[in-house]
C-alpha atoms as a PDB file:
ATOM      1  CA  MET A   1     116.944  17.381 200.970  1.00  0.00           C
ATOM      2  CA  ARG A   2     118.970  19.415 203.493  1.00  0.00           C
ATOM      3  CA  ARG A   3     122.854  18.178 203.375  1.00  0.00           C
ATOM      4  CA  SER A   4     126.089  18.792 204.716  1.00  0.00           C
ATOM      5  CA  ALA A   5     128.305  19.758 201.775  1.00  0.00           C
ATOM      6  CA  VAL A   6     131.703  19.467 201.680  1.00  0.00           C
ATOM      7  CA  LEU A   7     132.951  23.290 200.854  1.00  0.00           C
ATOM      8  CA  GLY A   8     136.498  22.810 201.230  1.00  0.00           C
ATOM      9  CA  VAL A   9     139.020  20.500 202.356  1.00  0.00           C
ATOM     10  CA  GLY A  10     143.020  20.896 204.100  1.00  0.00           C
ATOM     11  CA  SER A  11     145.458  18.907 205.924  1.00  0.00           C
ATOM     12  CA  ALA A  12     149.005  19.413 207.958  1.00  0.00           C
ATOM     13  CA  LEU A  13     152.166  17.700 208.470  1.00  0.00           C
ATOM     14  CA  PRO A  14     154.988  18.306 210.634  1.00  0.00           C
ATOM     15  CA  LYS A  15     158.030  19.658 209.479  1.00  0.00           C
ATOM     16  CA  ARG A  16     160.482  16.766 210.328  1.00  0.00           C
ATOM     17  CA  GLU A  17     159.629  14.077 207.800  1.00  0.00           C
ATOM     18  CA  VAL A  18     161.350   9.791 208.907  1.00  0.00           C
ATOM     19  CA  THR A  19     161.926   8.066 206.560  1.00  0.00           C
ATOM     20  CA  ASN A  20     162.089   3.625 207.196  1.00  0.00           C
ATOM     21  CA  GLU A  21     166.153   4.270 207.281  1.00  0.00           C
ATOM     22  CA  GLU A  22     166.545   6.636 209.549  1.00  0.00           C
ATOM     23  CA  LEU A  23     163.882   4.355 212.116  1.00  0.00           C
ATOM     24  CA  ALA A  24     166.051   1.451 211.173  1.00  0.00           C
ATOM     25  CA  GLU A  25     169.453   3.445 212.924  1.00  0.00           C
ATOM     26  CA  THR A  26     167.837   3.291 216.551  1.00  0.00           C
ATOM     27  CA  VAL A  27     165.167   0.476 215.746  1.00  0.00           C
ATOM     28  CA  ASP A  28     166.266  -3.651 215.353  1.00  0.00           C
ATOM     29  CA  THR A  29     164.116  -3.400 211.987  1.00  0.00           C
ATOM     30  CA  THR A  30     164.874  -2.598 207.840  1.00  0.00           C
ATOM     31  CA  ASP A  31     163.119  -0.446 205.330  1.00  0.00           C
ATOM     32  CA  GLU A  32     162.457  -3.735 203.254  1.00  0.00           C
ATOM     33  CA  TRP A  33     160.976  -5.373 206.746  1.00  0.00           C
ATOM     34  CA  ILE A  34     158.061  -2.644 207.686  1.00  0.00           C
ATOM     35  CA  VAL A  35     157.157  -1.959 203.357  1.00  0.00           C
ATOM     36  CA  GLU A  36     156.811  -5.448 203.077  1.00  0.00           C
ATOM     37  CA  ARG A  37     154.112  -5.849 206.012  1.00  0.00           C
ATOM     38  CA  THR A  38     152.683  -2.396 205.733  1.00  0.00           C
ATOM     39  CA  GLY A  39     153.466  -0.234 202.825  1.00  0.00           C
ATOM     40  CA  ILE A  40     154.671   2.437 204.757  1.00  0.00           C
ATOM     41  CA  ARG A  41     158.421   4.475 203.595  1.00  0.00           C
ATOM     42  CA  THR A  42     157.266   7.405 205.313  1.00  0.00           C
ATOM     43  CA  ARG A  43     156.202   9.545 208.529  1.00  0.00           C
ATOM     44  CA  TYR A  44     156.169  12.682 209.799  1.00  0.00           C
ATOM     45  CA  VAL A  45     156.787  13.420 213.158  1.00  0.00           C
ATOM     46  CA  ALA A  46     156.075  16.307 215.537  1.00  0.00           C
ATOM     47  CA  GLY A  47     158.911  18.409 217.029  1.00  0.00           C
ATOM     48  CA  GLU A  48     158.599  21.418 219.369  1.00  0.00           C
ATOM     49  CA  GLY A  49     156.318  23.777 219.830  1.00  0.00           C
ATOM     50  CA  GLU A  50     153.881  21.404 217.170  1.00  0.00           C
ATOM     51  CA  THR A  51     150.899  19.737 218.300  1.00  0.00           C
ATOM     52  CA  THR A  52     148.072  17.993 217.923  1.00  0.00           C
ATOM     53  CA  ALA A  53     146.230  21.888 218.230  1.00  0.00           C
ATOM     54  CA  SER A  54     148.686  23.159 216.240  1.00  0.00           C
ATOM     55  CA  LEU A  55     148.018  20.921 213.549  1.00  0.00           C
ATOM     56  CA  ALA A  56     144.373  21.090 213.256  1.00  0.00           C
ATOM     57  CA  ILE A  57     144.697  24.880 213.384  1.00  0.00           C
ATOM     58  CA  GLU A  58     146.856  24.465 210.101  1.00  0.00           C
ATOM     59  CA  ALA A  59     144.638  21.662 208.328  1.00  0.00           C
ATOM     60  CA  ALA A  60     141.563  24.302 209.210  1.00  0.00           C
ATOM     61  CA  ARG A  61     142.758  27.271 207.916  1.00  0.00           C
ATOM     62  CA  ARG A  62     143.805  25.680 205.126  1.00  0.00           C
ATOM     63  CA  ALA A  63     140.236  23.927 204.610  1.00  0.00           C
ATOM     64  CA  LEU A  64     138.765  27.731 205.033  1.00  0.00           C
ATOM     65  CA  ASP A  65     140.885  29.243 202.233  1.00  0.00           C
ATOM     66  CA  HIS A  66     139.629  25.998 200.005  1.00  0.00           C
ATOM     67  CA  ALA A  67     136.015  26.640 200.830  1.00  0.00           C
ATOM     68  CA  GLY A  68     136.517  30.946 200.270  1.00  0.00           C
ATOM     69  CA  ILE A  69     135.091  31.553 203.913  1.00  0.00           C
ATOM     70  CA  ALA A  70     135.954  33.720 206.614  1.00  0.00           C
ATOM     71  CA  ALA A  71     136.793  31.603 209.754  1.00  0.00           C
ATOM     72  CA  THR A  72     133.962  33.979 211.611  1.00  0.00           C
ATOM     73  CA  ASP A  73     131.504  31.810 209.593  1.00  0.00           C
ATOM     74  CA  ILE A  74     132.338  28.573 211.520  1.00  0.00           C
ATOM     75  CA  ASP A  75     129.237  28.136 214.208  1.00  0.00           C
ATOM     76  CA  LEU A  76     130.804  24.416 214.775  1.00  0.00           C
ATOM     77  CA  ILE A  77     133.695  22.899 215.693  1.00  0.00           C
ATOM     78  CA  VAL A  78     134.421  19.339 216.005  1.00  0.00           C
ATOM     79  CA  LEU A  79     137.362  17.923 216.691  1.00  0.00           C
ATOM     80  CA  ALA A  80     138.664  14.222 216.472  1.00  0.00           C
ATOM     81  CA  THR A  81     141.457  13.351 218.305  1.00  0.00           C
ATOM     82  CA  ALA A  82     143.024  10.410 220.649  1.00  0.00           C
ATOM     83  CA  THR A  83     145.850  12.635 221.505  1.00  0.00           C
ATOM     84  CA  PRO A  84     144.618  15.973 222.759  1.00  0.00           C
ATOM     85  CA  ASP A  85     147.308  19.315 223.901  1.00  0.00           C
ATOM     86  CA  GLN A  86     145.495  19.012 227.492  1.00  0.00           C
ATOM     87  CA  THR A  87     143.169  16.528 228.743  1.00  0.00           C
ATOM     88  CA  PHE A  88     140.977  19.764 229.408  1.00  0.00           C
ATOM     89  CA  PRO A  89     139.629  22.114 227.751  1.00  0.00           C
ATOM     90  CA  SER A  90     139.420  20.323 224.476  1.00  0.00           C
ATOM     91  CA  SER A  91     142.146  20.935 221.404  1.00  0.00           C
ATOM     92  CA  ALA A  92     138.734  22.255 219.816  1.00  0.00           C
ATOM     93  CA  THR A  93     138.313  25.112 221.902  1.00  0.00           C
ATOM     94  CA  LYS A  94     142.465  25.637 220.663  1.00  0.00           C
ATOM     95  CA  VAL A  95     141.495  26.069 217.395  1.00  0.00           C
ATOM     96  CA  GLN A  96     138.359  27.946 218.245  1.00  0.00           C
ATOM     97  CA  ALA A  97     140.510  31.039 220.072  1.00  0.00           C
ATOM     98  CA  THR A  98     143.237  30.958 217.629  1.00  0.00           C
ATOM     99  CA  LEU A  99     141.156  31.366 214.351  1.00  0.00           C
ATOM    100  CA  GLY A 100     139.434  34.316 216.007  1.00  0.00           C
ATOM    101  CA  ILE A 101     136.251  32.901 216.457  1.00  0.00           C
ATOM    102  CA  PRO A 102     134.240  34.329 219.674  1.00  0.00           C
ATOM    103  CA  ASP A 103     131.736  32.026 220.028  1.00  0.00           C
ATOM    104  CA  CYS A 104     130.537  28.537 218.391  1.00  0.00           C
ATOM    105  CA  ILE A 105     129.831  24.892 219.333  1.00  0.00           C
ATOM    106  CA  ALA A 106     133.594  23.347 219.606  1.00  0.00           C
ATOM    107  CA  PHE A 107     133.789  20.229 221.566  1.00  0.00           C
ATOM    108  CA  ASP A 108     136.555  17.111 220.613  1.00  0.00           C
ATOM    109  CA  VAL A 109     135.495  13.548 219.452  1.00  0.00           C
ATOM    110  CA  HIS A 110     137.668  10.687 221.198  1.00  0.00           C
ATOM    111  CA  ALA A 111     136.941   7.303 218.858  1.00  0.00           C
ATOM    112  CA  VAL A 112     140.579   7.126 217.869  1.00  0.00           C
ATOM    113  CA  CYS A 113     141.038   6.137 214.335  1.00  0.00           C
ATOM    114  CA  THR A 114     137.159   5.784 213.814  1.00  0.00           C
ATOM    115  CA  GLY A 115     137.138   9.200 215.309  1.00  0.00           C
ATOM    116  CA  PHE A 116     137.132  11.523 212.234  1.00  0.00           C
ATOM    117  CA  LEU A 117     134.184   9.160 210.913  1.00  0.00           C
ATOM    118  CA  TYR A 118     132.168   9.704 214.585  1.00  0.00           C
ATOM    119  CA  ALA A 119     132.832  13.565 214.386  1.00  0.00           C
ATOM    120  CA  LEU A 120     131.505  13.853 210.737  1.00  0.00           C
ATOM    121  CA  SER A 121     128.608  11.991 211.744  1.00  0.00           C
ATOM    122  CA  VAL A 122     127.679  14.461 214.879  1.00  0.00           C
ATOM    123  CA  ALA A 123     128.413  17.608 212.929  1.00  0.00           C
ATOM    124  CA  ASP A 124     126.399  16.005 209.915  1.00  0.00           C
ATOM    125  CA  SER A 125     123.226  15.430 212.556  1.00  0.00           C
ATOM    126  CA  MET A 126     123.523  19.008 214.003  1.00  0.00           C
ATOM    127  CA  LEU A 127     123.991  20.736 210.768  1.00  0.00           C
ATOM    128  CA  ARG A 128     121.155  18.612 209.603  1.00  0.00           C
ATOM    129  CA  SER A 129     118.828  19.601 212.539  1.00  0.00           C
ATOM    130  CA  GLY A 130     119.616  23.298 212.021  1.00  0.00           C
ATOM    131  CA  THR A 131     121.672  23.172 215.300  1.00  0.00           C
ATOM    132  CA  ALA A 132     124.577  24.519 213.265  1.00  0.00           C
ATOM    133  CA  GLN A 133     125.318  26.375 210.107  1.00  0.00           C
ATOM    134  CA  LYS A 134     128.753  26.204 208.668  1.00  0.00           C
ATOM    135  CA  ALA A 135     131.110  23.199 210.648  1.00  0.00           C
ATOM    136  CA  LEU A 136     134.978  22.509 210.590  1.00  0.00           C
ATOM    137  CA  VAL A 137     135.087  18.985 211.374  1.00  0.00           C
ATOM    138  CA  ILE A 138     139.177  18.024 212.449  1.00  0.00           C
ATOM    139  CA  GLY A 139     140.817  15.251 212.663  1.00  0.00           C
ATOM    140  CA  ALA A 140     144.628  15.599 214.415  1.00  0.00           C
ATOM    141  CA  GLU A 141     146.556  13.234 215.860  1.00  0.00           C
ATOM    142  CA  THR A 142     150.289  13.347 217.527  1.00  0.00           C
ATOM    143  CA  PHE A 143     150.567   9.496 218.090  1.00  0.00           C
ATOM    144  CA  SER A 144     154.566  10.075 218.390  1.00  0.00           C
ATOM    145  CA  ARG A 145     153.815  11.656 222.098  1.00  0.00           C
ATOM    146  CA  ILE A 146     152.193   7.935 222.607  1.00  0.00           C
ATOM    147  CA  LEU A 147     154.731   5.822 221.060  1.00  0.00           C
ATOM    148  CA  ASP A 148     157.070   3.135 222.637  1.00  0.00           C
ATOM    149  CA  TRP A 149     159.776   4.030 220.321  1.00  0.00           C
ATOM    150  CA  GLU A 150     161.560   0.935 221.658  1.00  0.00           C
ATOM    151  CA  ASP A 151     158.683  -1.692 220.325  1.00  0.00           C
ATOM    152  CA  ARG A 152     159.290  -2.086 216.554  1.00  0.00           C
ATOM    153  CA  ALA A 153     156.148  -3.376 216.080  1.00  0.00           C
ATOM    154  CA  THR A 154     154.006  -0.492 216.990  1.00  0.00           C
ATOM    155  CA  CYS A 155     156.515   2.758 216.796  1.00  0.00           C
ATOM    156  CA  VAL A 156     157.141   2.146 212.774  1.00  0.00           C
ATOM    157  CA  LEU A 157     153.233   2.368 211.883  1.00  0.00           C
ATOM    158  CA  PHE A 158     152.225   5.995 213.406  1.00  0.00           C
ATOM    159  CA  GLY A 159     152.272   9.356 212.348  1.00  0.00           C
ATOM    160  CA  ASP A 160     151.234  13.039 212.779  1.00  0.00           C
ATOM    161  CA  GLY A 161     149.297  14.848 211.050  1.00  0.00           C
ATOM    162  CA  ALA A 162     145.780  16.449 210.426  1.00  0.00           C
ATOM    163  CA  GLY A 163     142.950  16.976 208.006  1.00  0.00           C
ATOM    164  CA  ALA A 164     139.945  18.981 207.975  1.00  0.00           C
ATOM    165  CA  LEU A 165     136.806  19.522 205.859  1.00  0.00           C
ATOM    166  CA  VAL A 166     134.341  22.375 206.164  1.00  0.00           C
ATOM    167  CA  LEU A 167     130.718  21.718 206.100  1.00  0.00           C
ATOM    168  CA  ALA A 168     127.918  23.826 205.454  1.00  0.00           C
ATOM    169  CA  ALA A 169     123.686  22.622 205.246  1.00  0.00           C
ATOM    170  CA  GLU A 170     122.240  23.339 201.848  1.00  0.00           C
ATOM    171  CA  GLU A 171     119.586  22.468 200.181  1.00  0.00           C
ATOM    172  CA  SER A 172     121.359  20.335 197.954  1.00  0.00           C
ATOM    173  CA  GLU A 173     122.231  16.825 196.171  1.00  0.00           C
ATOM    174  CA  ARG A 174     125.840  16.994 196.969  1.00  0.00           C
ATOM    175  CA  GLY A 175     127.219  16.100 200.273  1.00  0.00           C
ATOM    176  CA  VAL A 176     126.849  14.044 202.962  1.00  0.00           C
ATOM    177  CA  LEU A 177     123.995  10.778 202.023  1.00  0.00           C
ATOM    178  CA  ALA A 178     124.635   8.691 204.627  1.00  0.00           C
ATOM    179  CA  THR A 179     126.958   7.406 207.931  1.00  0.00           C
ATOM    180  CA  LYS A 180     127.244   3.997 209.979  1.00  0.00           C
ATOM    181  CA  LEU A 181     128.772   3.756 213.203  1.00  0.00           C
ATOM    182  CA  HIS A 182     129.528   0.629 215.731  1.00  0.00           C
ATOM    183  CA  ALA A 183     131.581   0.327 218.626  1.00  0.00           C
ATOM    184  CA  ASP A 184     132.732  -3.385 220.374  1.00  0.00           C
ATOM    185  CA  GLY A 185     134.328  -2.941 223.581  1.00  0.00           C
ATOM    186  CA  ARG A 186     134.770  -6.557 224.290  1.00  0.00           C
ATOM    187  CA  HIS A 187     138.294  -5.814 222.090  1.00  0.00           C
ATOM    188  CA  ASN A 188     140.068  -3.273 224.247  1.00  0.00           C
ATOM    189  CA  ASP A 189     143.032  -5.180 225.398  1.00  0.00           C
ATOM    190  CA  LEU A 190     143.551  -6.127 221.271  1.00  0.00           C
ATOM    191  CA  LEU A 191     144.371  -1.748 221.027  1.00  0.00           C
ATOM    192  CA  PHE A 192     144.509  -0.165 223.905  1.00  0.00           C
ATOM    193  CA  VAL A 193     146.806   2.783 225.211  1.00  0.00           C
ATOM    194  CA  ASP A 194     148.659   1.783 229.015  1.00  0.00           C
ATOM    195  CA  GLY A 195     147.987   4.605 230.846  1.00  0.00           C
ATOM    196  CA  GLY A 196     144.926   7.817 231.583  1.00  0.00           C
ATOM    197  CA  PRO A 197     143.834  10.506 234.070  1.00  0.00           C
ATOM    198  CA  SER A 198     141.724   7.783 236.263  1.00  0.00           C
ATOM    199  CA  THR A 199     144.105   4.567 236.307  1.00  0.00           C
ATOM    200  CA  THR A 200     147.823   5.188 236.055  1.00  0.00           C
ATOM    201  CA  GLY A 201     147.835   9.410 236.293  1.00  0.00           C
ATOM    202  CA  THR A 202     150.120   9.281 233.152  1.00  0.00           C
ATOM    203  CA  VAL A 203     149.894   9.201 229.560  1.00  0.00           C
ATOM    204  CA  GLY A 204     150.871   5.882 228.893  1.00  0.00           C
ATOM    205  CA  LYS A 205     151.678   4.042 225.270  1.00  0.00           C
ATOM    206  CA  LEU A 206     149.923   2.533 223.105  1.00  0.00           C
ATOM    207  CA  ARG A 207     149.958  -1.340 222.564  1.00  0.00           C
ATOM    208  CA  MET A 208     148.469  -3.620 219.938  1.00  0.00           C
ATOM    209  CA  LYS A 209     148.154  -7.125 219.032  1.00  0.00           C
ATOM    210  CA  GLY A 210     148.438  -6.677 215.630  1.00  0.00           C
ATOM    211  CA  ARG A 211     147.422  -9.980 214.038  1.00  0.00           C
ATOM    212  CA  GLU A 212     144.409 -10.279 215.757  1.00  0.00           C
ATOM    213  CA  VAL A 213     143.377  -6.803 215.175  1.00  0.00           C
ATOM    214  CA  PHE A 214     143.936  -7.052 211.234  1.00  0.00           C
ATOM    215  CA  ARG A 215     141.738  -9.839 211.123  1.00  0.00           C
ATOM    216  CA  HIS A 216     138.549  -8.098 212.611  1.00  0.00           C
ATOM    217  CA  ALA A 217     139.455  -5.335 210.304  1.00  0.00           C
ATOM    218  CA  VAL A 218     139.291  -6.812 207.096  1.00  0.00           C
ATOM    219  CA  VAL A 219     135.604  -8.126 208.368  1.00  0.00           C
ATOM    220  CA  ASN A 220     134.693  -5.008 210.046  1.00  0.00           C
ATOM    221  CA  LEU A 221     135.500  -2.574 207.243  1.00  0.00           C
ATOM    222  CA  ALA A 222     134.074  -4.674 204.664  1.00  0.00           C
ATOM    223  CA  ASP A 223     130.773  -4.413 206.366  1.00  0.00           C
ATOM    224  CA  VAL A 224     130.652  -1.417 207.534  1.00  0.00           C
ATOM    225  CA  LEU A 225     130.729  -0.624 203.766  1.00  0.00           C
ATOM    226  CA  THR A 226     128.187  -2.726 202.539  1.00  0.00           C
ATOM    227  CA  GLU A 227     125.997  -1.353 205.339  1.00  0.00           C
ATOM    228  CA  VAL A 228     126.618   2.814 204.519  1.00  0.00           C
ATOM    229  CA  LEU A 229     125.858   1.983 200.641  1.00  0.00           C
ATOM    230  CA  ASP A 230     122.886   0.522 201.210  1.00  0.00           C
ATOM    231  CA  GLU A 231     121.681   3.144 203.199  1.00  0.00           C
ATOM    232  CA  ALA A 232     122.513   5.905 200.761  1.00  0.00           C
ATOM    233  CA  GLY A 233     120.761   3.335 198.478  1.00  0.00           C
ATOM    234  CA  LEU A 234     123.949   2.985 196.211  1.00  0.00           C
ATOM    235  CA  ASN A 235     126.416  -0.204 194.690  1.00  0.00           C
ATOM    236  CA  ALA A 236     129.886  -0.784 194.244  1.00  0.00           C
ATOM    237  CA  ALA A 237     129.384   0.534 191.027  1.00  0.00           C
ATOM    238  CA  ASP A 238     128.501   3.548 191.629  1.00  0.00           C
ATOM    239  CA  VAL A 239     131.485   4.331 194.194  1.00  0.00           C
ATOM    240  CA  ASP A 240     134.034   6.626 192.445  1.00  0.00           C
ATOM    241  CA  TRP A 241     136.471   6.269 195.487  1.00  0.00           C
ATOM    242  CA  VAL A 242     137.353   4.699 198.521  1.00  0.00           C
ATOM    243  CA  VAL A 243     138.815   6.699 201.270  1.00  0.00           C
ATOM    244  CA  PRO A 244     140.269   4.232 204.034  1.00  0.00           C
ATOM    245  CA  HIS A 245     141.524   5.153 207.521  1.00  0.00           C
ATOM    246  CA  GLN A 246     145.635   4.928 205.885  1.00  0.00           C
ATOM    247  CA  ALA A 247     146.714   1.567 208.858  1.00  0.00           C
ATOM    248  CA  ASN A 248     148.307  -0.699 206.762  1.00  0.00           C
ATOM    249  CA  ALA A 249     148.757  -1.411 202.983  1.00  0.00           C
ATOM    250  CA  ARG A 250     147.790  -4.819 203.524  1.00  0.00           C
ATOM    251  CA  ILE A 251     144.305  -4.225 205.260  1.00  0.00           C
ATOM    252  CA  LEU A 252     143.386  -1.714 202.427  1.00  0.00           C
ATOM    253  CA  ASP A 253     143.935  -4.422 199.649  1.00  0.00           C
ATOM    254  CA  ALA A 254     142.252  -7.481 201.827  1.00  0.00           C
ATOM    255  CA  THR A 255     138.791  -4.766 202.367  1.00  0.00           C
ATOM    256  CA  ALA A 256     139.029  -3.741 198.524  1.00  0.00           C
ATOM    257  CA  ARG A 257     138.876  -7.676 197.117  1.00  0.00           C
ATOM    258  CA  LYS A 258     136.544  -8.608 199.934  1.00  0.00           C
ATOM    259  CA  LEU A 259     133.899  -6.070 198.443  1.00  0.00           C
ATOM    260  CA  GLY A 260     135.211  -6.020 194.712  1.00  0.00           C
ATOM    261  CA  LEU A 261     136.612  -3.023 194.213  1.00  0.00           C
ATOM    262  CA  PRO A 262     139.228  -2.684 191.847  1.00  0.00           C
ATOM    263  CA  SER A 263     142.505  -1.249 194.030  1.00  0.00           C
ATOM    264  CA  GLU A 264     142.074   2.014 191.222  1.00  0.00           C
ATOM    265  CA  LYS A 265     139.068   3.310 193.315  1.00  0.00           C
ATOM    266  CA  VAL A 266     141.200   3.252 196.693  1.00  0.00           C
ATOM    267  CA  VAL A 267     142.886   6.551 197.502  1.00  0.00           C
ATOM    268  CA  VAL A 268     146.287   5.169 199.560  1.00  0.00           C
ATOM    269  CA  THR A 269     148.678   7.655 201.569  1.00  0.00           C
ATOM    270  CA  VAL A 270     149.733   5.262 204.418  1.00  0.00           C
ATOM    271  CA  ASP A 271     153.072   4.683 201.959  1.00  0.00           C
ATOM    272  CA  ARG A 272     153.691   8.876 202.785  1.00  0.00           C
ATOM    273  CA  HIS A 273     151.935   9.259 206.075  1.00  0.00           C
ATOM    274  CA  ALA A 274     151.740   6.008 207.971  1.00  0.00           C
ATOM    275  CA  ASN A 275     148.718   5.885 210.396  1.00  0.00           C
ATOM    276  CA  THR A 276     148.198   8.832 211.764  1.00  0.00           C
ATOM    277  CA  SER A 277     144.673   7.563 213.304  1.00  0.00           C
ATOM    278  CA  ALA A 278     141.650  10.119 213.263  1.00  0.00           C
ATOM    279  CA  ALA A 279     143.702  11.876 211.297  1.00  0.00           C
ATOM    280  CA  SER A 280     144.025   9.695 208.232  1.00  0.00           C
ATOM    281  CA  VAL A 281     140.854  10.280 206.617  1.00  0.00           C
ATOM    282  CA  PRO A 282     140.792  14.011 206.097  1.00  0.00           C
ATOM    283  CA  LEU A 283     144.527  13.703 205.306  1.00  0.00           C
ATOM    284  CA  ALA A 284     143.835  11.183 202.328  1.00  0.00           C
ATOM    285  CA  PHE A 285     140.638  13.116 200.896  1.00  0.00           C
ATOM    286  CA  ASP A 286     142.044  16.142 201.154  1.00  0.00           C
ATOM    287  CA  THR A 287     145.419  14.426 199.082  1.00  0.00           C
ATOM    288  CA  ALA A 288     143.589  12.889 196.205  1.00  0.00           C
ATOM    289  CA  VAL A 289     141.141  16.833 195.962  1.00  0.00           C
ATOM    290  CA  LYS A 290     144.368  18.490 195.674  1.00  0.00           C
ATOM    291  CA  ASP A 291     146.042  15.936 193.002  1.00  0.00           C
ATOM    292  CA  GLY A 292     142.926  16.060 190.815  1.00  0.00           C
ATOM    293  CA  ARG A 293     141.741  12.604 191.686  1.00  0.00           C
ATOM    294  CA  ILE A 294     138.616  13.448 193.758  1.00  0.00           C
ATOM    295  CA  LYS A 295     136.489  15.854 191.484  1.00  0.00           C
ATOM    296  CA  ARG A 296     133.285  17.173 191.747  1.00  0.00           C
ATOM    297  CA  GLY A 297     130.181  15.255 191.637  1.00  0.00           C
ATOM    298  CA  ASP A 298     132.008  12.181 192.593  1.00  0.00           C
ATOM    299  CA  VAL A 299     130.579   9.859 195.390  1.00  0.00           C
ATOM    300  CA  VAL A 300     132.782   9.243 197.918  1.00  0.00           C
ATOM    301  CA  VAL A 301     133.150   6.555 200.716  1.00  0.00           C
ATOM    302  CA  LEU A 302     135.216   6.706 203.636  1.00  0.00           C
ATOM    303  CA  GLU A 303     136.100   4.150 206.238  1.00  0.00           C
ATOM    304  CA  ALA A 304     138.121   3.211 209.339  1.00  0.00           C
ATOM    305  CA  MET A 305     138.613   1.267 212.255  1.00  0.00           C
ATOM    306  CA  GLY A 306     140.135   2.339 215.874  1.00  0.00           C
ATOM    307  CA  GLY A 307     140.679   1.269 218.900  1.00  0.00           C
ATOM    308  CA  GLY A 308     137.644   0.025 221.218  1.00  0.00           C
ATOM    309  CA  PHE A 309     137.109  -1.598 218.697  1.00  0.00           C
ATOM    310  CA  THR A 310     135.370   1.625 216.942  1.00  0.00           C
ATOM    311  CA  TRP A 311     134.475   0.752 213.203  1.00  0.00           C
ATOM    312  CA  GLY A 312     132.403   3.492 210.689  1.00  0.00           C
ATOM    313  CA  ALA A 313     131.556   4.641 207.235  1.00  0.00           C
ATOM    314  CA  ALA A 314     130.018   7.682 205.503  1.00  0.00           C
ATOM    315  CA  ALA A 315     129.129   8.176 201.913  1.00  0.00           C
ATOM    316  CA  LEU A 316     129.021  11.258 201.061  1.00  0.00           C
ATOM    317  CA  ARG A 317     128.726  13.212 196.746  1.00  0.00           C
ATOM    318  CA  TYR A 318     131.332  15.992 196.287  1.00  0.00           C
END
């Protein structure tokens, strides 16, 4: 069967690491308060000269090195982000130009924290249809640029970063086995940014009603994981690793319990990286591959939920 096989993975973080203690110097919060409610201890914040595209480029280069292929072999770039460098053109075209690819399909996907799952599904469809042969699928964000740093309920939750996968169309048993995507725009006011080119003419700041988001997340993520396993012909016992969106340690724990998955099978990086939105799934995936947890042949399930609401999952054999 023609599938989208994962050839390589890579990630990138800004230079500056910000601890809870450092945040507590400017925001009415404490390390204990943040850890108890979120599990987050540190996050990385982009500095001068660091942008969504620059982080995406660094992650892409590392993924290409890991895959052992040249950038010019890529004929598709799908970049998931809610914080692009410019309104247009897409940040994907910046990645393309900097990597020295003279011509390929390149575009951004915007589904907030679920963005990487949407991008992966789109790339998988294009690879299986023969539209492209090798793809870079990237999630990259600089959420620090849209945070209200006086709102302790949101500013402590997010960080910046990027993650990338190199995919190739192969007749193989490995690769993407199934994807499932959802959206429900009725929940716009629970998680949104209060600005935009067509409304305020400004970038705006992130706003969130955390308790309601938590409630929806646990239900939606458990449901979509069940759906994608059914679609792939798998059950929970077949899963070697779950790589979830790194939003909140309590959401990760609650989702695992709801599915009856042992916590040892869940990759957790939220403590180090916080919520990096569309970057969080590929960043966590790269972390677990590079530290030896995820091995070739393992069945891995990815899942995420974000503003919109959007949510989705993918099952793959690495």
